[in-house]
Amino acid sequence: MSINIRPLYDRIVVKRIETDDAVKVGGLYIPDSAKEKPQEAEVVAAGQGKRLENGTLVPLDVKVGDRILFGKYSGSEIKLDGQEYLIMREDEVLGVLVTA
């Protein structure tokens, strides 16, 4: 996946991971407008890191390709080439999902 954006500092660009877990709940169809958006995403671009007051650059803990969890109200939605992405600071990431 190639996108035309390079986030600055400690920001990352993520694409939500859609899951088809519960199309029907108790036999009722839930329309897309009533569903909550997933809080799991894949990192598609990452900045260089956070610059401290003394000028030191601290690299990010997340990298492109990581699957992350983030808070419900994290980030800002952006649209690039018809695709929806979120841009957020690394400190809004709750955790990185690791496969065992």
PDB file of N, CA and C in Angstrom:
ATOM      1  N   MET A   1       0.848  -1.170   0.000  1.00  0.00           N
ATOM      2  CA  MET A   1       0.000   0.000   0.000  1.00  0.00           C
ATOM      3  C   MET A   1       0.891   1.230   0.000  1.00  0.00           C
ATOM      4  N   SER A   2       0.640   2.124  -0.919  1.00  0.00           N
ATOM      5  CA  SER A   2       1.437   3.334  -1.006  1.00  0.00           C
ATOM      6  C   SER A   2       0.518   4.547  -0.900  1.00  0.00           C
ATOM      7  N   ILE A   3       0.827   5.420   0.041  1.00  0.00           N
ATOM      8  CA  ILE A   3       0.044   6.641   0.167  1.00  0.00           C
ATOM      9  C   ILE A   3       0.971   7.827   0.015  1.00  0.00           C
ATOM     10  N   ASN A   4       0.402   8.952  -0.336  1.00  0.00           N
ATOM     11  CA  ASN A   4       1.188  10.145  -0.607  1.00  0.00           C
ATOM     12  C   ASN A   4       1.172  11.120   0.554  1.00  0.00           C
ATOM     13  N   ILE A   5       1.598  10.672   1.710  1.00  0.00           N
ATOM     14  CA  ILE A   5       1.684  11.561   2.862  1.00  0.00           C
ATOM     15  C   ILE A   5       2.838  11.091   3.744  1.00  0.00           C
ATOM     16  N   ARG A   6       3.562  12.039   4.280  1.00  0.00           N
ATOM     17  CA  ARG A   6       4.649  11.739   5.215  1.00  0.00           C
ATOM     18  C   ARG A   6       4.340  12.491   6.499  1.00  0.00           C
ATOM     19  N   PRO A   7       3.904  11.785   7.535  1.00  0.00           N
ATOM     20  CA  PRO A   7       3.579  12.459   8.796  1.00  0.00           C
ATOM     21  C   PRO A   7       4.834  13.025   9.452  1.00  0.00           C
ATOM     22  N   LEU A   8       4.666  14.110  10.159  1.00  0.00           N
ATOM     23  CA  LEU A   8       5.782  14.769  10.821  1.00  0.00           C
ATOM     24  C   LEU A   8       5.860  14.368  12.291  1.00  0.00           C
ATOM     25  N   TYR A   9       7.068  14.475  12.820  1.00  0.00           N
ATOM     26  CA  TYR A   9       7.348  14.271  14.241  1.00  0.00           C
ATOM     27  C   TYR A   9       6.831  12.919  14.734  1.00  0.00           C
ATOM     28  N   ASP A  10       5.974  12.937  15.772  1.00  0.00           N
ATOM     29  CA  ASP A  10       5.515  11.684  16.378  1.00  0.00           C
ATOM     30  C   ASP A  10       4.122  11.281  15.901  1.00  0.00           C
ATOM     31  N   ARG A  11       3.762  11.701  14.708  1.00  0.00           N
ATOM     32  CA  ARG A  11       2.442  11.359  14.172  1.00  0.00           C
ATOM     33  C   ARG A  11       2.540  10.105  13.306  1.00  0.00           C
ATOM     34  N   ILE A  12       1.411   9.363  13.269  1.00  0.00           N
ATOM     35  CA  ILE A  12       1.315   8.185  12.420  1.00  0.00           C
ATOM     36  C   ILE A  12       0.022   8.258  11.621  1.00  0.00           C
ATOM     37  N   VAL A  13       0.003   7.619  10.467  1.00  0.00           N
ATOM     38  CA  VAL A  13      -1.196   7.496   9.648  1.00  0.00           C
ATOM     39  C   VAL A  13      -1.608   6.035   9.700  1.00  0.00           C
ATOM     40  N   VAL A  14      -2.880   5.786  10.012  1.00  0.00           N
ATOM     41  CA  VAL A  14      -3.372   4.419  10.144  1.00  0.00           C
ATOM     42  C   VAL A  14      -4.626   4.223   9.303  1.00  0.00           C
ATOM     43  N   LYS A  15      -4.854   2.978   8.916  1.00  0.00           N
ATOM     44  CA  LYS A  15      -6.079   2.603   8.203  1.00  0.00           C
ATOM     45  C   LYS A  15      -6.828   1.623   9.086  1.00  0.00           C
ATOM     46  N   ARG A  16      -8.085   1.931   9.357  1.00  0.00           N
ATOM     47  CA  ARG A  16      -8.900   1.061  10.201  1.00  0.00           C
ATOM     48  C   ARG A  16      -9.005  -0.331   9.590  1.00  0.00           C
ATOM     49  N   ILE A  17      -9.018  -1.338  10.441  1.00  0.00           N
ATOM     50  CA  ILE A  17      -9.184  -2.723  10.001  1.00  0.00           C
ATOM     51  C   ILE A  17     -10.640  -3.084  10.234  1.00  0.00           C
ATOM     52  N   GLU A  18     -11.350  -3.307   9.148  1.00  0.00           N
ATOM     53  CA  GLU A  18     -12.773  -3.641   9.218  1.00  0.00           C
ATOM     54  C   GLU A  18     -12.921  -5.135   9.469  1.00  0.00           C
ATOM     55  N   THR A  19     -13.797  -5.486  10.396  1.00  0.00           N
ATOM     56  CA  THR A  19     -14.098  -6.887  10.666  1.00  0.00           C
ATOM     57  C   THR A  19     -15.587  -7.108  10.491  1.00  0.00           C
ATOM     58  N   ASP A  20     -15.955  -8.275  10.034  1.00  0.00           N
ATOM     59  CA  ASP A  20     -17.365  -8.629   9.835  1.00  0.00           C
ATOM     60  C   ASP A  20     -17.841  -9.521  10.966  1.00  0.00           C
ATOM     61  N   ASP A  21     -17.533  -9.127  12.206  1.00  0.00           N
ATOM     62  CA  ASP A  21     -17.846  -9.962  13.372  1.00  0.00           C
ATOM     63  C   ASP A  21     -19.340 -10.179  13.556  1.00  0.00           C
ATOM     64  N   ALA A  22     -20.074  -9.103  13.681  1.00  0.00           N
ATOM     65  CA  ALA A  22     -21.492  -9.236  14.039  1.00  0.00           C
ATOM     66  C   ALA A  22     -22.360  -8.462  13.064  1.00  0.00           C
ATOM     67  N   VAL A  23     -22.651  -9.081  11.923  1.00  0.00           N
ATOM     68  CA  VAL A  23     -23.558  -8.452  10.976  1.00  0.00           C
ATOM     69  C   VAL A  23     -24.963  -8.502  11.548  1.00  0.00           C
ATOM     70  N   LYS A  24     -25.267  -9.584  12.243  1.00  0.00           N
ATOM     71  CA  LYS A  24     -26.577  -9.726  12.870  1.00  0.00           C
ATOM     72  C   LYS A  24     -26.383  -9.920  14.371  1.00  0.00           C
ATOM     73  N   VAL A  25     -27.176  -9.218  15.137  1.00  0.00           N
ATOM     74  CA  VAL A  25     -27.141  -9.361  16.591  1.00  0.00           C
ATOM     75  C   VAL A  25     -28.525  -9.781  17.034  1.00  0.00           C
ATOM     76  N   GLY A  26     -28.653 -10.985  17.567  1.00  0.00           N
ATOM     77  CA  GLY A  26     -29.959 -11.469  18.005  1.00  0.00           C
ATOM     78  C   GLY A  26     -30.955 -11.574  16.876  1.00  0.00           C
ATOM     79  N   GLY A  27     -30.473 -11.828  15.666  1.00  0.00           N
ATOM     80  CA  GLY A  27     -31.355 -11.968  14.519  1.00  0.00           C
ATOM     81  C   GLY A  27     -31.705 -10.658  13.848  1.00  0.00           C
ATOM     82  N   LEU A  28     -31.225  -9.535  14.380  1.00  0.00           N
ATOM     83  CA  LEU A  28     -31.506  -8.232  13.779  1.00  0.00           C
ATOM     84  C   LEU A  28     -30.318  -7.768  12.961  1.00  0.00           C
ATOM     85  N   TYR A  29     -30.604  -7.163  11.837  1.00  0.00           N
ATOM     86  CA  TYR A  29     -29.548  -6.606  11.001  1.00  0.00           C
ATOM     87  C   TYR A  29     -29.187  -5.218  11.528  1.00  0.00           C
ATOM     88  N   ILE A  30     -27.889  -4.978  11.727  1.00  0.00           N
ATOM     89  CA  ILE A  30     -27.403  -3.684  12.203  1.00  0.00           C
ATOM     90  C   ILE A  30     -26.864  -2.919  10.991  1.00  0.00           C
ATOM     91  N   PRO A  31     -27.483  -1.803  10.611  1.00  0.00           N
ATOM     92  CA  PRO A  31     -26.975  -1.045   9.458  1.00  0.00           C
ATOM     93  C   PRO A  31     -25.624  -0.403   9.766  1.00  0.00           C
ATOM     94  N   ASP A  32     -24.846  -0.133   8.720  1.00  0.00           N
ATOM     95  CA  ASP A  32     -23.509   0.446   8.891  1.00  0.00           C
ATOM     96  C   ASP A  32     -23.546   1.749   9.675  1.00  0.00           C
ATOM     97  N   SER A  33     -24.588   2.540   9.505  1.00  0.00           N
ATOM     98  CA  SER A  33     -24.658   3.831  10.187  1.00  0.00           C
ATOM     99  C   SER A  33     -24.804   3.679  11.699  1.00  0.00           C
ATOM    100  N   ALA A  34     -25.259   2.525  12.166  1.00  0.00           N
ATOM    101  CA  ALA A  34     -25.455   2.308  13.602  1.00  0.00           C
ATOM    102  C   ALA A  34     -24.282   1.577  14.252  1.00  0.00           C
ATOM    103  N   LYS A  35     -23.378   1.056  13.433  1.00  0.00           N
ATOM    104  CA  LYS A  35     -22.238   0.318  13.977  1.00  0.00           C
ATOM    105  C   LYS A  35     -21.167   1.273  14.462  1.00  0.00           C
ATOM    106  N   GLU A  36     -20.449   0.851  15.491  1.00  0.00           N
ATOM    107  CA  GLU A  36     -19.290   1.619  15.941  1.00  0.00           C
ATOM    108  C   GLU A  36     -18.122   1.306  15.026  1.00  0.00           C
ATOM    109  N   LYS A  37     -17.318   2.308  14.761  1.00  0.00           N
ATOM    110  CA  LYS A  37     -16.147   2.088  13.924  1.00  0.00           C
ATOM    111  C   LYS A  37     -15.117   1.298  14.721  1.00  0.00           C
ATOM    112  N   PRO A  38     -14.369   0.438  14.039  1.00  0.00           N
ATOM    113  CA  PRO A  38     -13.368  -0.364  14.763  1.00  0.00           C
ATOM    114  C   PRO A  38     -12.265   0.503  15.342  1.00  0.00           C
ATOM    115  N   GLN A  39     -11.713   0.052  16.458  1.00  0.00           N
ATOM    116  CA  GLN A  39     -10.633   0.766  17.122  1.00  0.00           C
ATOM    117  C   GLN A  39      -9.324   0.011  16.946  1.00  0.00           C
ATOM    118  N   GLU A  40      -9.258  -0.738  15.865  1.00  0.00           N
ATOM    119  CA  GLU A  40      -8.056  -1.473  15.507  1.00  0.00           C
ATOM    120  C   GLU A  40      -7.646  -0.989  14.122  1.00  0.00           C
ATOM    121  N   ALA A  41      -6.338  -0.803  13.931  1.00  0.00           N
ATOM    122  CA  ALA A  41      -5.870  -0.267  12.656  1.00  0.00           C
ATOM    123  C   ALA A  41      -4.472  -0.772  12.337  1.00  0.00           C
ATOM    124  N   GLU A  42      -4.085  -0.559  11.085  1.00  0.00           N
ATOM    125  CA  GLU A  42      -2.734  -0.884  10.643  1.00  0.00           C
ATOM    126  C   GLU A  42      -2.006   0.419  10.341  1.00  0.00           C
ATOM    127  N   VAL A  43      -0.775   0.531  10.801  1.00  0.00           N
ATOM    128  CA  VAL A  43       0.038   1.718  10.562  1.00  0.00           C
ATOM    129  C   VAL A  43       0.522   1.682   9.112  1.00  0.00           C
ATOM    130  N   VAL A  44       0.215   2.745   8.341  1.00  0.00           N
ATOM    131  CA  VAL A  44       0.625   2.799   6.940  1.00  0.00           C
ATOM    132  C   VAL A  44       1.731   3.821   6.699  1.00  0.00           C
ATOM    133  N   ALA A  45       1.941   4.737   7.644  1.00  0.00           N
ATOM    134  CA  ALA A  45       3.031   5.712   7.548  1.00  0.00           C
ATOM    135  C   ALA A  45       3.346   6.211   8.949  1.00  0.00           C
ATOM    136  N   ALA A  46       4.625   6.530   9.185  1.00  0.00           N
ATOM    137  CA  ALA A  46       5.040   6.996  10.510  1.00  0.00           C
ATOM    138  C   ALA A  46       6.065   8.110  10.365  1.00  0.00           C
ATOM    139  N   GLY A  47       6.027   9.053  11.301  1.00  0.00           N
ATOM    140  CA  GLY A  47       6.991  10.144  11.322  1.00  0.00           C
ATOM    141  C   GLY A  47       8.342   9.663  11.833  1.00  0.00           C
ATOM    142  N   GLN A  48       9.294  10.595  11.922  1.00  0.00           N
ATOM    143  CA  GLN A  48      10.657  10.263  12.344  1.00  0.00           C
ATOM    144  C   GLN A  48      10.777  10.048  13.848  1.00  0.00           C
ATOM    145  N   GLY A  49       9.944  10.726  14.626  1.00  0.00           N
ATOM    146  CA  GLY A  49      10.013  10.588  16.077  1.00  0.00           C
ATOM    147  C   GLY A  49       9.749  11.918  16.756  1.00  0.00           C
ATOM    148  N   LYS A  50       9.769  11.891  18.071  1.00  0.00           N
ATOM    149  CA  LYS A  50       9.483  13.079  18.868  1.00  0.00           C
ATOM    150  C   LYS A  50      10.792  13.775  19.237  1.00  0.00           C
ATOM    151  N   ARG A  51      10.816  15.076  19.053  1.00  0.00           N
ATOM    152  CA  ARG A  51      12.000  15.858  19.395  1.00  0.00           C
ATOM    153  C   ARG A  51      11.813  16.441  20.787  1.00  0.00           C
ATOM    154  N   LEU A  52      12.753  16.126  21.679  1.00  0.00           N
ATOM    155  CA  LEU A  52      12.712  16.632  23.050  1.00  0.00           C
ATOM    156  C   LEU A  52      13.187  18.085  23.095  1.00  0.00           C
ATOM    157  N   GLU A  53      12.999  18.721  24.243  1.00  0.00           N
ATOM    158  CA  GLU A  53      13.399  20.129  24.400  1.00  0.00           C
ATOM    159  C   GLU A  53      14.886  20.345  24.191  1.00  0.00           C
ATOM    160  N   ASN A  54      15.702  19.327  24.515  1.00  0.00           N
ATOM    161  CA  ASN A  54      17.145  19.475  24.341  1.00  0.00           C
ATOM    162  C   ASN A  54      17.606  19.152  22.915  1.00  0.00           C
ATOM    163  N   GLY A  55      16.647  18.854  22.019  1.00  0.00           N
ATOM    164  CA  GLY A  55      16.982  18.599  20.628  1.00  0.00           C
ATOM    165  C   GLY A  55      17.167  17.147  20.269  1.00  0.00           C
ATOM    166  N   THR A  56      17.127  16.261  21.256  1.00  0.00           N
ATOM    167  CA  THR A  56      17.294  14.829  21.000  1.00  0.00           C
ATOM    168  C   THR A  56      16.056  14.269  20.305  1.00  0.00           C
ATOM    169  N   LEU A  57      16.261  13.433  19.292  1.00  0.00           N
ATOM    170  CA  LEU A  57      15.167  12.795  18.571  1.00  0.00           C
ATOM    171  C   LEU A  57      14.929  11.409  19.157  1.00  0.00           C
ATOM    172  N   VAL A  58      13.718  11.173  19.658  1.00  0.00           N
ATOM    173  CA  VAL A  58      13.339   9.878  20.216  1.00  0.00           C
ATOM    174  C   VAL A  58      12.513   9.151  19.151  1.00  0.00           C
ATOM    175  N   PRO A  59      13.011   8.008  18.624  1.00  0.00           N
ATOM    176  CA  PRO A  59      12.274   7.300  17.580  1.00  0.00           C
ATOM    177  C   PRO A  59      10.958   6.732  18.094  1.00  0.00           C
ATOM    178  N   LEU A  60      10.028   6.490  17.171  1.00  0.00           N
ATOM    179  CA  LEU A  60       8.723   5.947  17.534  1.00  0.00           C
ATOM    180  C   LEU A  60       8.821   4.466  17.881  1.00  0.00           C
ATOM    181  N   ASP A  61       7.914   4.014  18.765  1.00  0.00           N
ATOM    182  CA  ASP A  61       7.834   2.591  19.110  1.00  0.00           C
ATOM    183  C   ASP A  61       7.058   1.806  18.057  1.00  0.00           C
ATOM    184  N   VAL A  62       6.142   2.474  17.348  1.00  0.00           N
ATOM    185  CA  VAL A  62       5.364   1.794  16.312  1.00  0.00           C
ATOM    186  C   VAL A  62       6.042   1.992  14.969  1.00  0.00           C
ATOM    187  N   LYS A  63       5.821   1.033  14.073  1.00  0.00           N
ATOM    188  CA  LYS A  63       6.407   1.124  12.739  1.00  0.00           C
ATOM    189  C   LYS A  63       5.359   0.729  11.704  1.00  0.00           C
ATOM    190  N   VAL A  64       5.628   1.023  10.468  1.00  0.00           N
ATOM    191  CA  VAL A  64       4.712   0.691   9.380  1.00  0.00           C
ATOM    192  C   VAL A  64       4.474  -0.814   9.376  1.00  0.00           C
ATOM    193  N   GLY A  65       3.198  -1.192   9.279  1.00  0.00           N
ATOM    194  CA  GLY A  65       2.822  -2.604   9.280  1.00  0.00           C
ATOM    195  C   GLY A  65       2.301  -3.091  10.613  1.00  0.00           C
ATOM    196  N   ASP A  66       2.564  -2.367  11.704  1.00  0.00           N
ATOM    197  CA  ASP A  66       2.055  -2.756  13.021  1.00  0.00           C
ATOM    198  C   ASP A  66       0.535  -2.648  13.062  1.00  0.00           C
ATOM    199  N   ARG A  67      -0.093  -3.571  13.788  1.00  0.00           N
ATOM    200  CA  ARG A  67      -1.527  -3.483  14.070  1.00  0.00           C
ATOM    201  C   ARG A  67      -1.663  -2.899  15.463  1.00  0.00           C
ATOM    202  N   ILE A  68      -2.458  -1.850  15.582  1.00  0.00           N
ATOM    203  CA  ILE A  68      -2.565  -1.136  16.855  1.00  0.00           C
ATOM    204  C   ILE A  68      -4.007  -1.058  17.329  1.00  0.00           C
ATOM    205  N   LEU A  69      -4.164  -0.751  18.606  1.00  0.00           N
ATOM    206  CA  LEU A  69      -5.445  -0.402  19.203  1.00  0.00           C
ATOM    207  C   LEU A  69      -5.363   1.050  19.627  1.00  0.00           C
ATOM    208  N   PHE A  70      -6.448   1.782  19.450  1.00  0.00           N
ATOM    209  CA  PHE A  70      -6.463   3.192  19.824  1.00  0.00           C
ATOM    210  C   PHE A  70      -7.802   3.543  20.438  1.00  0.00           C
ATOM    211  N   GLY A  71      -7.847   4.681  21.117  1.00  0.00           N
ATOM    212  CA  GLY A  71      -9.059   5.121  21.790  1.00  0.00           C
ATOM    213  C   GLY A  71     -10.161   5.522  20.826  1.00  0.00           C
ATOM    214  N   LYS A  72     -11.374   5.526  21.331  1.00  0.00           N
ATOM    215  CA  LYS A  72     -12.564   5.804  20.525  1.00  0.00           C
ATOM    216  C   LYS A  72     -12.516   7.170  19.839  1.00  0.00           C
ATOM    217  N   TYR A  73     -11.976   8.166  20.501  1.00  0.00           N
ATOM    218  CA  TYR A  73     -11.973   9.523  19.952  1.00  0.00           C
ATOM    219  C   TYR A  73     -10.577   9.980  19.530  1.00  0.00           C
ATOM    220  N   SER A  74      -9.698   9.043  19.255  1.00  0.00           N
ATOM    221  CA  SER A  74      -8.320   9.367  18.886  1.00  0.00           C
ATOM    222  C   SER A  74      -8.216   9.791  17.430  1.00  0.00           C
ATOM    223  N   GLY A  75      -7.259  10.653  17.163  1.00  0.00           N
ATOM    224  CA  GLY A  75      -6.895  11.002  15.802  1.00  0.00           C
ATOM    225  C   GLY A  75      -7.884  11.898  15.072  1.00  0.00           C
ATOM    226  N   SER A  76      -7.496  12.253  13.864  1.00  0.00           N
ATOM    227  CA  SER A  76      -8.314  13.070  12.966  1.00  0.00           C
ATOM    228  C   SER A  76      -8.490  12.304  11.667  1.00  0.00           C
ATOM    229  N   GLU A  77      -9.717  12.242  11.187  1.00  0.00           N
ATOM    230  CA  GLU A  77      -9.982  11.517   9.948  1.00  0.00           C
ATOM    231  C   GLU A  77      -9.528  12.341   8.756  1.00  0.00           C
ATOM    232  N   ILE A  78      -8.869  11.668   7.815  1.00  0.00           N
ATOM    233  CA  ILE A  78      -8.453  12.298   6.568  1.00  0.00           C
ATOM    234  C   ILE A  78      -8.831  11.367   5.425  1.00  0.00           C
ATOM    235  N   LYS A  79      -8.941  11.933   4.222  1.00  0.00           N
ATOM    236  CA  LYS A  79      -9.277  11.140   3.050  1.00  0.00           C
ATOM    237  C   LYS A  79      -8.220  11.396   1.991  1.00  0.00           C
ATOM    238  N   LEU A  80      -7.585  10.328   1.511  1.00  0.00           N
ATOM    239  CA  LEU A  80      -6.563  10.412   0.474  1.00  0.00           C
ATOM    240  C   LEU A  80      -6.891   9.408  -0.617  1.00  0.00           C
ATOM    241  N   ASP A  81      -6.935   9.860  -1.842  1.00  0.00           N
ATOM    242  CA  ASP A  81      -7.210   8.984  -2.992  1.00  0.00           C
ATOM    243  C   ASP A  81      -8.457   8.129  -2.779  1.00  0.00           C
ATOM    244  N   GLY A  82      -9.484   8.706  -2.169  1.00  0.00           N
ATOM    245  CA  GLY A  82     -10.738   7.999  -1.955  1.00  0.00           C
ATOM    246  C   GLY A  82     -10.737   7.034  -0.786  1.00  0.00           C
ATOM    247  N   GLN A  83      -9.624   6.912  -0.069  1.00  0.00           N
ATOM    248  CA  GLN A  83      -9.530   6.021   1.088  1.00  0.00           C
ATOM    249  C   GLN A  83      -9.555   6.841   2.372  1.00  0.00           C
ATOM    250  N   GLU A  84     -10.176   6.287   3.424  1.00  0.00           N
ATOM    251  CA  GLU A  84     -10.228   6.966   4.709  1.00  0.00           C
ATOM    252  C   GLU A  84      -9.087   6.489   5.596  1.00  0.00           C
ATOM    253  N   TYR A  85      -8.410   7.444   6.221  1.00  0.00           N
ATOM    254  CA  TYR A  85      -7.306   7.168   7.140  1.00  0.00           C
ATOM    255  C   TYR A  85      -7.503   8.007   8.390  1.00  0.00           C
ATOM    256  N   LEU A  86      -6.746   7.678   9.424  1.00  0.00           N
ATOM    257  CA  LEU A  86      -6.676   8.490  10.635  1.00  0.00           C
ATOM    258  C   LEU A  86      -5.233   8.928  10.801  1.00  0.00           C
ATOM    259  N   ILE A  87      -5.044  10.172  11.217  1.00  0.00           N
ATOM    260  CA  ILE A  87      -3.709  10.630  11.564  1.00  0.00           C
ATOM    261  C   ILE A  87      -3.748  10.975  13.052  1.00  0.00           C
ATOM    262  N   MET A  88      -2.785  10.428  13.794  1.00  0.00           N
ATOM    263  CA  MET A  88      -2.788  10.615  15.248  1.00  0.00           C
ATOM    264  C   MET A  88      -1.368  10.650  15.774  1.00  0.00           C
ATOM    265  N   ARG A  89      -1.235  11.117  16.997  1.00  0.00           N
ATOM    266  CA  ARG A  89       0.062  11.099  17.669  1.00  0.00           C
ATOM    267  C   ARG A  89       0.303   9.701  18.236  1.00  0.00           C
ATOM    268  N   GLU A  90       1.566   9.348  18.364  1.00  0.00           N
ATOM    269  CA  GLU A  90       1.896   8.028  18.879  1.00  0.00           C
ATOM    270  C   GLU A  90       1.351   7.829  20.292  1.00  0.00           C
ATOM    271  N   ASP A  91       1.285   8.882  21.095  1.00  0.00           N
ATOM    272  CA  ASP A  91       0.804   8.710  22.473  1.00  0.00           C
ATOM    273  C   ASP A  91      -0.689   8.410  22.557  1.00  0.00           C
ATOM    274  N   GLU A  92      -1.424   8.479  21.427  1.00  0.00           N
ATOM    275  CA  GLU A  92      -2.825   8.096  21.397  1.00  0.00           C
ATOM    276  C   GLU A  92      -3.000   6.592  21.174  1.00  0.00           C
ATOM    277  N   VAL A  93      -1.922   5.903  20.860  1.00  0.00           N
ATOM    278  CA  VAL A  93      -1.961   4.460  20.647  1.00  0.00           C
ATOM    279  C   VAL A  93      -2.011   3.765  22.015  1.00  0.00           C
ATOM    280  N   LEU A  94      -2.973   2.871  22.182  1.00  0.00           N
ATOM    281  CA  LEU A  94      -3.128   2.156  23.449  1.00  0.00           C
ATOM    282  C   LEU A  94      -2.224   0.934  23.523  1.00  0.00           C
ATOM    283  N   GLY A  95      -1.968   0.308  22.365  1.00  0.00           N
ATOM    284  CA  GLY A  95      -1.131  -0.874  22.357  1.00  0.00           C
ATOM    285  C   GLY A  95      -0.899  -1.391  20.955  1.00  0.00           C
ATOM    286  N   VAL A  96       0.137  -2.202  20.816  1.00  0.00           N
ATOM    287  CA  VAL A  96       0.452  -2.851  19.546  1.00  0.00           C
ATOM    288  C   VAL A  96       0.073  -4.317  19.674  1.00  0.00           C
ATOM    289  N   LEU A  97      -0.697  -4.830  18.723  1.00  0.00           N
ATOM    290  CA  LEU A  97      -1.107  -6.226  18.736  1.00  0.00           C
ATOM    291  C   LEU A  97       0.024  -7.083  18.187  1.00  0.00           C
ATOM    292  N   VAL A  98       0.382  -8.115  18.937  1.00  0.00           N
ATOM    293  CA  VAL A  98       1.435  -9.021  18.502  1.00  0.00           C
ATOM    294  C   VAL A  98       0.825 -10.402  18.315  1.00  0.00           C
ATOM    295  N   THR A  99       1.261 -11.092  17.282  1.00  0.00           N
ATOM    296  CA  THR A  99       0.775 -12.443  17.035  1.00  0.00           C
ATOM    297  C   THR A  99       1.761 -13.442  17.637  1.00  0.00           C
ATOM    298  N   ALA A 100       1.198 -14.413  18.313  1.00  0.00           N
ATOM    299  CA  ALA A 100       2.049 -15.407  18.994  1.00  0.00           C
ATOM    300  C   ALA A 100       2.388 -16.560  18.096  1.00  0.00           C
TER     301      ALA A 100
END
